[in-house]
């Protein structure tokens, strides 16, 4: 890819990103809807537990179950049979 194409691709990506940012309106997030009843926010510890610790624990449990319940007895890599030497 030469410089002209790279510059064109970069300009297109930057323009698309700028347009996406301009089209969003975060100011509307401050307006409450009818019937909106938000609960209390999460603390830092609750957030880390919910979005980091619980997924890591689930991953560890699933990986442990797969490892423990794997019925394979052959863990060595397969080697190809050596070719017979010609006499």
PDB file of N, CA and C in Angstrom:
ATOM      1  N   UNK A   1       0.856  -1.168   0.000  1.00  0.00           N
ATOM      2  CA  UNK A   1       0.000   0.000   0.000  1.00  0.00           C
ATOM      3  C   UNK A   1       0.904   1.235   0.000  1.00  0.00           C
ATOM      4  N   UNK A   2       0.697   2.133  -0.936  1.00  0.00           N
ATOM      5  CA  UNK A   2       1.549   3.325  -0.989  1.00  0.00           C
ATOM      6  C   UNK A   2       0.980   4.417  -0.082  1.00  0.00           C
ATOM      7  N   UNK A   3       1.701   5.532  -0.010  1.00  0.00           N
ATOM      8  CA  UNK A   3       1.317   6.606   0.911  1.00  0.00           C
ATOM      9  C   UNK A   3      -0.039   7.218   0.583  1.00  0.00           C
ATOM     10  N   UNK A   4      -0.354   7.319  -0.703  1.00  0.00           N
ATOM     11  CA  UNK A   4      -1.620   7.936  -1.103  1.00  0.00           C
ATOM     12  C   UNK A   4      -2.808   7.126  -0.596  1.00  0.00           C
ATOM     13  N   UNK A   5      -2.728   5.801  -0.756  1.00  0.00           N
ATOM     14  CA  UNK A   5      -3.825   4.949  -0.280  1.00  0.00           C
ATOM     15  C   UNK A   5      -3.902   4.950   1.237  1.00  0.00           C
ATOM     16  N   UNK A   6      -2.757   4.965   1.916  1.00  0.00           N
ATOM     17  CA  UNK A   6      -2.753   4.993   3.377  1.00  0.00           C
ATOM     18  C   UNK A   6      -3.348   6.301   3.879  1.00  0.00           C
ATOM     19  N   UNK A   7      -3.008   7.395   3.245  1.00  0.00           N
ATOM     20  CA  UNK A   7      -3.550   8.694   3.629  1.00  0.00           C
ATOM     21  C   UNK A   7      -5.057   8.741   3.399  1.00  0.00           C
ATOM     22  N   UNK A   8      -5.495   8.184   2.297  1.00  0.00           N
ATOM     23  CA  UNK A   8      -6.922   8.153   1.989  1.00  0.00           C
ATOM     24  C   UNK A   8      -7.672   7.295   3.018  1.00  0.00           C
ATOM     25  N   UNK A   9      -7.119   6.141   3.373  1.00  0.00           N
ATOM     26  CA  UNK A   9      -7.758   5.268   4.350  1.00  0.00           C
ATOM     27  C   UNK A   9      -7.801   5.935   5.726  1.00  0.00           C
ATOM     28  N   UNK A  10      -6.727   6.610   6.101  1.00  0.00           N
ATOM     29  CA  UNK A  10      -6.701   7.313   7.381  1.00  0.00           C
ATOM     30  C   UNK A  10      -7.707   8.443   7.428  1.00  0.00           C
ATOM     31  N   UNK A  11      -7.818   9.200   6.339  1.00  0.00           N
ATOM     32  CA  UNK A  11      -8.777  10.299   6.284  1.00  0.00           C
ATOM     33  C   UNK A  11     -10.208   9.769   6.352  1.00  0.00           C
ATOM     34  N   UNK A  12     -10.467   8.655   5.683  1.00  0.00           N
ATOM     35  CA  UNK A  12     -11.802   8.056   5.719  1.00  0.00           C
ATOM     36  C   UNK A  12     -12.138   7.578   7.131  1.00  0.00           C
ATOM     37  N   UNK A  13     -11.190   6.924   7.796  1.00  0.00           N
ATOM     38  CA  UNK A  13     -11.420   6.443   9.154  1.00  0.00           C
ATOM     39  C   UNK A  13     -11.634   7.614  10.115  1.00  0.00           C
ATOM     40  N   UNK A  14     -10.828   8.648   9.985  1.00  0.00           N
ATOM     41  CA  UNK A  14     -10.973   9.810  10.862  1.00  0.00           C
ATOM     42  C   UNK A  14     -12.305  10.512  10.614  1.00  0.00           C
ATOM     43  N   UNK A  15     -12.684  10.662   9.356  1.00  0.00           N
ATOM     44  CA  UNK A  15     -13.962  11.301   9.029  1.00  0.00           C
ATOM     45  C   UNK A  15     -15.145  10.504   9.546  1.00  0.00           C
ATOM     46  N   UNK A  16     -15.086   9.194   9.402  1.00  0.00           N
ATOM     47  CA  UNK A  16     -16.167   8.348   9.892  1.00  0.00           C
ATOM     48  C   UNK A  16     -16.278   8.443  11.410  1.00  0.00           C
ATOM     49  N   UNK A  17     -15.138   8.406  12.097  1.00  0.00           N
ATOM     50  CA  UNK A  17     -15.140   8.517  13.554  1.00  0.00           C
ATOM     51  C   UNK A  17     -15.691   9.862  14.001  1.00  0.00           C
ATOM     52  N   UNK A  18     -15.282  10.929  13.333  1.00  0.00           N
ATOM     53  CA  UNK A  18     -15.768  12.264  13.680  1.00  0.00           C
ATOM     54  C   UNK A  18     -17.270  12.374  13.474  1.00  0.00           C
ATOM     55  N   UNK A  19     -17.764  11.829  12.374  1.00  0.00           N
ATOM     56  CA  UNK A  19     -19.203  11.895  12.116  1.00  0.00           C
ATOM     57  C   UNK A  19     -19.984  11.082  13.152  1.00  0.00           C
ATOM     58  N   UNK A  20     -19.458   9.931  13.542  1.00  0.00           N
ATOM     59  CA  UNK A  20     -20.139   9.120  14.558  1.00  0.00           C
ATOM     60  C   UNK A  20     -20.175   9.859  15.892  1.00  0.00           C
ATOM     61  N   UNK A  21     -19.106  10.542  16.244  1.00  0.00           N
ATOM     62  CA  UNK A  21     -19.073  11.297  17.498  1.00  0.00           C
ATOM     63  C   UNK A  21     -20.026  12.484  17.460  1.00  0.00           C
ATOM     64  N   UNK A  22     -20.131  13.131  16.302  1.00  0.00           N
ATOM     65  CA  UNK A  22     -21.013  14.281  16.187  1.00  0.00           C
ATOM     66  C   UNK A  22     -22.485  13.878  16.172  1.00  0.00           C
ATOM     67  N   UNK A  23     -22.778  12.684  15.678  1.00  0.00           N
ATOM     68  CA  UNK A  23     -24.168  12.248  15.584  1.00  0.00           C
ATOM     69  C   UNK A  23     -24.723  11.801  16.936  1.00  0.00           C
ATOM     70  N   UNK A  24     -23.868  11.385  17.839  1.00  0.00           N
ATOM     71  CA  UNK A  24     -24.357  10.975  19.145  1.00  0.00           C
ATOM     72  C   UNK A  24     -24.651  12.211  19.975  1.00  0.00           C
ATOM     73  N   UNK A  25     -25.598  12.091  20.866  1.00  0.00           N
ATOM     74  CA  UNK A  25     -25.952  13.247  21.682  1.00  0.00           C
ATOM     75  C   UNK A  25     -25.969  12.846  23.153  1.00  0.00           C
ATOM     76  N   UNK A  26     -24.847  12.937  23.812  1.00  0.00           N
ATOM     77  CA  UNK A  26     -24.806  12.541  25.224  1.00  0.00           C
ATOM     78  C   UNK A  26     -25.622  13.470  26.119  1.00  0.00           C
ATOM     79  N   UNK A  27     -25.958  14.660  25.655  1.00  0.00           N
ATOM     80  CA  UNK A  27     -26.739  15.576  26.473  1.00  0.00           C
ATOM     81  C   UNK A  27     -28.135  15.015  26.743  1.00  0.00           C
ATOM     82  N   UNK A  28     -28.642  14.174  25.849  1.00  0.00           N
ATOM     83  CA  UNK A  28     -29.965  13.591  26.049  1.00  0.00           C
ATOM     84  C   UNK A  28     -29.963  12.557  27.161  1.00  0.00           C
ATOM     85  N   UNK A  29     -28.801  12.087  27.566  1.00  0.00           N
ATOM     86  CA  UNK A  29     -28.725  11.096  28.634  1.00  0.00           C
ATOM     87  C   UNK A  29     -29.090  11.710  29.978  1.00  0.00           C
ATOM     88  N   UNK A  30     -29.034  13.022  30.099  1.00  0.00           N
ATOM     89  CA  UNK A  30     -29.367  13.674  31.357  1.00  0.00           C
ATOM     90  C   UNK A  30     -30.861  13.819  31.568  1.00  0.00           C
ATOM     91  N   UNK A  31     -31.630  13.684  30.496  1.00  0.00           N
ATOM     92  CA  UNK A  31     -33.076  13.834  30.584  1.00  0.00           C
ATOM     93  C   UNK A  31     -33.702  12.515  31.020  1.00  0.00           C
ATOM     94  N   UNK A  32     -34.464  12.540  32.091  1.00  0.00           N
ATOM     95  CA  UNK A  32     -35.122  11.335  32.586  1.00  0.00           C
ATOM     96  C   UNK A  32     -36.389  11.069  31.784  1.00  0.00           C
ATOM     97  N   UNK A  33     -36.628   9.792  31.505  1.00  0.00           N
ATOM     98  CA  UNK A  33     -37.851   9.387  30.829  1.00  0.00           C
ATOM     99  C   UNK A  33     -38.943   9.174  31.853  1.00  0.00           C
ATOM    100  N   UNK A  34     -40.192   9.187  31.386  1.00  0.00           N
ATOM    101  CA  UNK A  34     -41.318   8.900  32.274  1.00  0.00           C
ATOM    102  C   UNK A  34     -41.201   7.468  32.781  1.00  0.00           C
ATOM    103  N   UNK A  35     -41.369   7.279  34.068  1.00  0.00           N
ATOM    104  CA  UNK A  35     -41.291   5.953  34.658  1.00  0.00           C
ATOM    105  C   UNK A  35     -39.879   5.490  34.933  1.00  0.00           C
ATOM    106  N   UNK A  36     -38.904   6.333  34.666  1.00  0.00           N
ATOM    107  CA  UNK A  36     -37.510   5.978  34.901  1.00  0.00           C
ATOM    108  C   UNK A  36     -37.254   5.960  36.410  1.00  0.00           C
ATOM    109  N   UNK A  37     -36.740   4.856  36.900  1.00  0.00           N
ATOM    110  CA  UNK A  37     -36.473   4.732  38.326  1.00  0.00           C
ATOM    111  C   UNK A  37     -35.109   4.060  38.507  1.00  0.00           C
ATOM    112  N   UNK A  38     -34.012   4.805  38.317  1.00  0.00           N
ATOM    113  CA  UNK A  38     -32.693   4.187  38.430  1.00  0.00           C
ATOM    114  C   UNK A  38     -32.386   3.829  39.879  1.00  0.00           C
ATOM    115  N   UNK A  39     -31.672   2.740  40.040  1.00  0.00           N
ATOM    116  CA  UNK A  39     -31.260   2.312  41.370  1.00  0.00           C
ATOM    117  C   UNK A  39     -29.980   3.024  41.779  1.00  0.00           C
ATOM    118  N   UNK A  40     -29.470   2.634  42.938  1.00  0.00           N
ATOM    119  CA  UNK A  40     -28.217   3.245  43.394  1.00  0.00           C
ATOM    120  C   UNK A  40     -27.072   2.702  42.547  1.00  0.00           C
ATOM    121  N   UNK A  41     -26.014   3.468  42.437  1.00  0.00           N
ATOM    122  CA  UNK A  41     -24.863   3.059  41.642  1.00  0.00           C
ATOM    123  C   UNK A  41     -24.059   1.970  42.334  1.00  0.00           C
ATOM    124  N   UNK A  42     -23.180   1.345  41.554  1.00  0.00           N
ATOM    125  CA  UNK A  42     -22.312   0.307  42.094  1.00  0.00           C
ATOM    126  C   UNK A  42     -21.037   0.937  42.631  1.00  0.00           C
ATOM    127  N   UNK A  43     -20.516   0.356  43.693  1.00  0.00           N
ATOM    128  CA  UNK A  43     -19.215   0.815  44.194  1.00  0.00           C
ATOM    129  C   UNK A  43     -18.117   0.220  43.319  1.00  0.00           C
ATOM    130  N   UNK A  44     -16.897   0.660  43.538  1.00  0.00           N
ATOM    131  CA  UNK A  44     -15.767   0.153  42.752  1.00  0.00           C
ATOM    132  C   UNK A  44     -15.586  -1.344  42.989  1.00  0.00           C
ATOM    133  N   UNK A  45     -15.710  -1.773  44.237  1.00  0.00           N
ATOM    134  CA  UNK A  45     -15.543  -3.192  44.565  1.00  0.00           C
ATOM    135  C   UNK A  45     -16.638  -4.025  43.907  1.00  0.00           C
ATOM    136  N   UNK A  46     -17.884  -3.533  43.949  1.00  0.00           N
ATOM    137  CA  UNK A  46     -18.982  -4.256  43.314  1.00  0.00           C
ATOM    138  C   UNK A  46     -18.789  -4.338  41.802  1.00  0.00           C
ATOM    139  N   UNK A  47     -18.320  -3.256  41.197  1.00  0.00           N
ATOM    140  CA  UNK A  47     -18.093  -3.236  39.752  1.00  0.00           C
ATOM    141  C   UNK A  47     -16.996  -4.213  39.363  1.00  0.00           C
ATOM    142  N   UNK A  48     -15.872  -4.208  40.093  1.00  0.00           N
ATOM    143  CA  UNK A  48     -14.784  -5.135  39.793  1.00  0.00           C
ATOM    144  C   UNK A  48     -15.229  -6.579  39.991  1.00  0.00           C
ATOM    145  N   UNK A  49     -15.990  -6.818  41.040  1.00  0.00           N
ATOM    146  CA  UNK A  49     -16.473  -8.171  41.267  1.00  0.00           C
ATOM    147  C   UNK A  49     -17.392  -8.644  40.168  1.00  0.00           C
ATOM    148  N   UNK A  50     -18.289  -7.774  39.733  1.00  0.00           N
ATOM    149  CA  UNK A  50     -19.284  -8.136  38.724  1.00  0.00           C
ATOM    150  C   UNK A  50     -18.676  -8.318  37.337  1.00  0.00           C
ATOM    151  N   UNK A  51     -17.771  -7.433  36.952  1.00  0.00           N
ATOM    152  CA  UNK A  51     -17.262  -7.442  35.577  1.00  0.00           C
ATOM    153  C   UNK A  51     -15.873  -8.040  35.411  1.00  0.00           C
ATOM    154  N   UNK A  52     -15.175  -8.339  36.523  1.00  0.00           N
ATOM    155  CA  UNK A  52     -13.833  -8.918  36.413  1.00  0.00           C
ATOM    156  C   UNK A  52     -13.761 -10.258  37.154  1.00  0.00           C
ATOM    157  N   UNK A  53     -14.062 -10.259  38.432  1.00  0.00           N
ATOM    158  CA  UNK A  53     -13.859 -11.464  39.242  1.00  0.00           C
ATOM    159  C   UNK A  53     -14.824 -12.596  38.883  1.00  0.00           C
ATOM    160  N   UNK A  54     -16.097 -12.292  38.697  1.00  0.00           N
ATOM    161  CA  UNK A  54     -17.052 -13.348  38.359  1.00  0.00           C
ATOM    162  C   UNK A  54     -16.728 -13.991  37.000  1.00  0.00           C
ATOM    163  N   UNK A  55     -16.435 -13.213  35.931  1.00  0.00           N
ATOM    164  CA  UNK A  55     -16.055 -13.873  34.676  1.00  0.00           C
ATOM    165  C   UNK A  55     -14.772 -14.695  34.799  1.00  0.00           C
ATOM    166  N   UNK A  56     -13.773 -14.203  35.546  1.00  0.00           N
ATOM    167  CA  UNK A  56     -12.545 -14.985  35.734  1.00  0.00           C
ATOM    168  C   UNK A  56     -12.829 -16.272  36.499  1.00  0.00           C
ATOM    169  N   UNK A  57     -13.681 -16.203  37.509  1.00  0.00           N
ATOM    170  CA  UNK A  57     -14.027 -17.399  38.261  1.00  0.00           C
ATOM    171  C   UNK A  57     -14.770 -18.405  37.383  1.00  0.00           C
ATOM    172  N   UNK A  58     -15.707 -17.926  36.577  1.00  0.00           N
ATOM    173  CA  UNK A  58     -16.419 -18.825  35.662  1.00  0.00           C
ATOM    174  C   UNK A  58     -15.472 -19.479  34.669  1.00  0.00           C
ATOM    175  N   UNK A  59     -14.529 -18.703  34.146  1.00  0.00           N
ATOM    176  CA  UNK A  59     -13.548 -19.261  33.219  1.00  0.00           C
ATOM    177  C   UNK A  59     -12.724 -20.334  33.901  1.00  0.00           C
ATOM    178  N   UNK A  60     -12.263 -20.062  35.128  1.00  0.00           N
ATOM    179  CA  UNK A  60     -11.446 -21.033  35.858  1.00  0.00           C
ATOM    180  C   UNK A  60     -12.248 -22.304  36.159  1.00  0.00           C
ATOM    181  N   UNK A  61     -13.517 -22.166  36.531  1.00  0.00           N
ATOM    182  CA  UNK A  61     -14.348 -23.334  36.823  1.00  0.00           C
ATOM    183  C   UNK A  61     -14.550 -24.176  35.568  1.00  0.00           C
ATOM    184  N   UNK A  62     -14.875 -23.530  34.451  1.00  0.00           N
ATOM    185  CA  UNK A  62     -15.099 -24.271  33.207  1.00  0.00           C
ATOM    186  C   UNK A  62     -13.816 -24.947  32.742  1.00  0.00           C
ATOM    187  N   UNK A  63     -12.686 -24.214  32.794  1.00  0.00           N
ATOM    188  CA  UNK A  63     -11.413 -24.810  32.385  1.00  0.00           C
ATOM    189  C   UNK A  63     -11.040 -25.973  33.300  1.00  0.00           C
ATOM    190  N   UNK A  64     -11.284 -25.832  34.593  1.00  0.00           N
ATOM    191  CA  UNK A  64     -10.982 -26.919  35.519  1.00  0.00           C
ATOM    192  C   UNK A  64     -11.840 -28.138  35.255  1.00  0.00           C
ATOM    193  N   UNK A  65     -13.128 -27.931  34.988  1.00  0.00           N
ATOM    194  CA  UNK A  65     -14.005 -29.062  34.681  1.00  0.00           C
ATOM    195  C   UNK A  65     -13.588 -29.759  33.393  1.00  0.00           C
ATOM    196  N   UNK A  66     -13.222 -28.992  32.381  1.00  0.00           N
ATOM    197  CA  UNK A  66     -12.786 -29.592  31.120  1.00  0.00           C
ATOM    198  C   UNK A  66     -11.514 -30.400  31.346  1.00  0.00           C
ATOM    199  N   UNK A  67     -10.587 -29.850  32.108  1.00  0.00           N
ATOM    200  CA  UNK A  67      -9.325 -30.539  32.366  1.00  0.00           C
ATOM    201  C   UNK A  67      -9.564 -31.800  33.206  1.00  0.00           C
ATOM    202  N   UNK A  68     -10.417 -31.698  34.231  1.00  0.00           N
ATOM    203  CA  UNK A  68     -10.650 -32.830  35.129  1.00  0.00           C
ATOM    204  C   UNK A  68     -11.460 -33.939  34.460  1.00  0.00           C
ATOM    205  N   UNK A  69     -12.404 -33.586  33.623  1.00  0.00           N
ATOM    206  CA  UNK A  69     -13.283 -34.586  33.023  1.00  0.00           C
ATOM    207  C   UNK A  69     -12.799 -35.084  31.664  1.00  0.00           C
ATOM    208  N   UNK A  70     -11.645 -34.614  31.235  1.00  0.00           N
ATOM    209  CA  UNK A  70     -11.088 -35.061  29.957  1.00  0.00           C
ATOM    210  C   UNK A  70     -10.630 -36.508  30.109  1.00  0.00           C
ATOM    211  N   UNK A  71     -11.121 -37.373  29.268  1.00  0.00           N
ATOM    212  CA  UNK A  71     -10.811 -38.796  29.386  1.00  0.00           C
ATOM    213  C   UNK A  71      -9.572 -39.221  28.626  1.00  0.00           C
ATOM    214  N   UNK A  72      -8.857 -38.294  28.055  1.00  0.00           N
ATOM    215  CA  UNK A  72      -7.680 -38.659  27.272  1.00  0.00           C
ATOM    216  C   UNK A  72      -6.588 -39.220  28.175  1.00  0.00           C
ATOM    217  N   UNK A  73      -5.994 -40.314  27.728  1.00  0.00           N
ATOM    218  CA  UNK A  73      -4.856 -40.870  28.464  1.00  0.00           C
ATOM    219  C   UNK A  73      -3.557 -40.607  27.736  1.00  0.00           C
ATOM    220  N   UNK A  74      -3.644 -40.342  26.454  1.00  0.00           N
ATOM    221  CA  UNK A  74      -2.455 -40.108  25.639  1.00  0.00           C
ATOM    222  C   UNK A  74      -2.206 -38.611  25.543  1.00  0.00           C
ATOM    223  N   UNK A  75      -1.248 -38.116  26.280  1.00  0.00           N
ATOM    224  CA  UNK A  75      -0.932 -36.687  26.267  1.00  0.00           C
ATOM    225  C   UNK A  75       0.321 -36.374  25.458  1.00  0.00           C
ATOM    226  N   UNK A  76       1.025 -37.390  25.013  1.00  0.00           N
ATOM    227  CA  UNK A  76       2.250 -37.183  24.247  1.00  0.00           C
ATOM    228  C   UNK A  76       1.901 -36.866  22.791  1.00  0.00           C
ATOM    229  N   UNK A  77       2.680 -35.976  22.153  1.00  0.00           N
ATOM    230  CA  UNK A  77       2.423 -35.691  20.740  1.00  0.00           C
ATOM    231  C   UNK A  77       2.725 -36.912  19.877  1.00  0.00           C
ATOM    232  N   UNK A  78       1.960 -37.069  18.862  1.00  0.00           N
ATOM    233  CA  UNK A  78       2.131 -38.205  17.960  1.00  0.00           C
ATOM    234  C   UNK A  78       3.387 -37.996  17.111  1.00  0.00           C
ATOM    235  N   UNK A  79       4.194 -39.025  17.002  1.00  0.00           N
ATOM    236  CA  UNK A  79       5.385 -38.960  16.147  1.00  0.00           C
ATOM    237  C   UNK A  79       5.142 -39.844  14.940  1.00  0.00           C
ATOM    238  N   UNK A  80       5.621 -39.402  13.817  1.00  0.00           N
ATOM    239  CA  UNK A  80       5.465 -40.189  12.596  1.00  0.00           C
ATOM    240  C   UNK A  80       6.443 -41.357  12.636  1.00  0.00           C
ATOM    241  N   UNK A  81       6.006 -42.469  12.090  1.00  0.00           N
ATOM    242  CA  UNK A  81       6.872 -43.638  12.052  1.00  0.00           C
ATOM    243  C   UNK A  81       8.073 -43.333  11.146  1.00  0.00           C
ATOM    244  N   UNK A  82       9.239 -43.770  11.603  1.00  0.00           N
ATOM    245  CA  UNK A  82      10.449 -43.516  10.819  1.00  0.00           C
ATOM    246  C   UNK A  82      10.402 -44.355   9.536  1.00  0.00           C
ATOM    247  N   UNK A  83      10.850 -43.726   8.485  1.00  0.00           N
ATOM    248  CA  UNK A  83      10.865 -44.434   7.201  1.00  0.00           C
ATOM    249  C   UNK A  83      11.915 -45.528   7.250  1.00  0.00           C
ATOM    250  N   UNK A  84      11.582 -46.646   6.661  1.00  0.00           N
ATOM    251  CA  UNK A  84      12.520 -47.782   6.644  1.00  0.00           C
ATOM    252  C   UNK A  84      13.696 -47.412   5.752  1.00  0.00           C
ATOM    253  N   UNK A  85      14.875 -47.699   6.238  1.00  0.00           N
ATOM    254  CA  UNK A  85      16.085 -47.429   5.458  1.00  0.00           C
ATOM    255  C   UNK A  85      16.212 -48.433   4.334  1.00  0.00           C
ATOM    256  N   UNK A  86      16.582 -47.928   3.172  1.00  0.00           N
ATOM    257  CA  UNK A  86      16.753 -48.810   2.017  1.00  0.00           C
ATOM    258  C   UNK A  86      18.120 -49.463   2.113  1.00  0.00           C
ATOM    259  N   UNK A  87      18.185 -50.745   1.774  1.00  0.00           N
ATOM    260  CA  UNK A  87      19.440 -51.475   1.856  1.00  0.00           C
ATOM    261  C   UNK A  87      20.162 -51.471   0.557  1.00  0.00           C
TER     262      UNK A  87
END
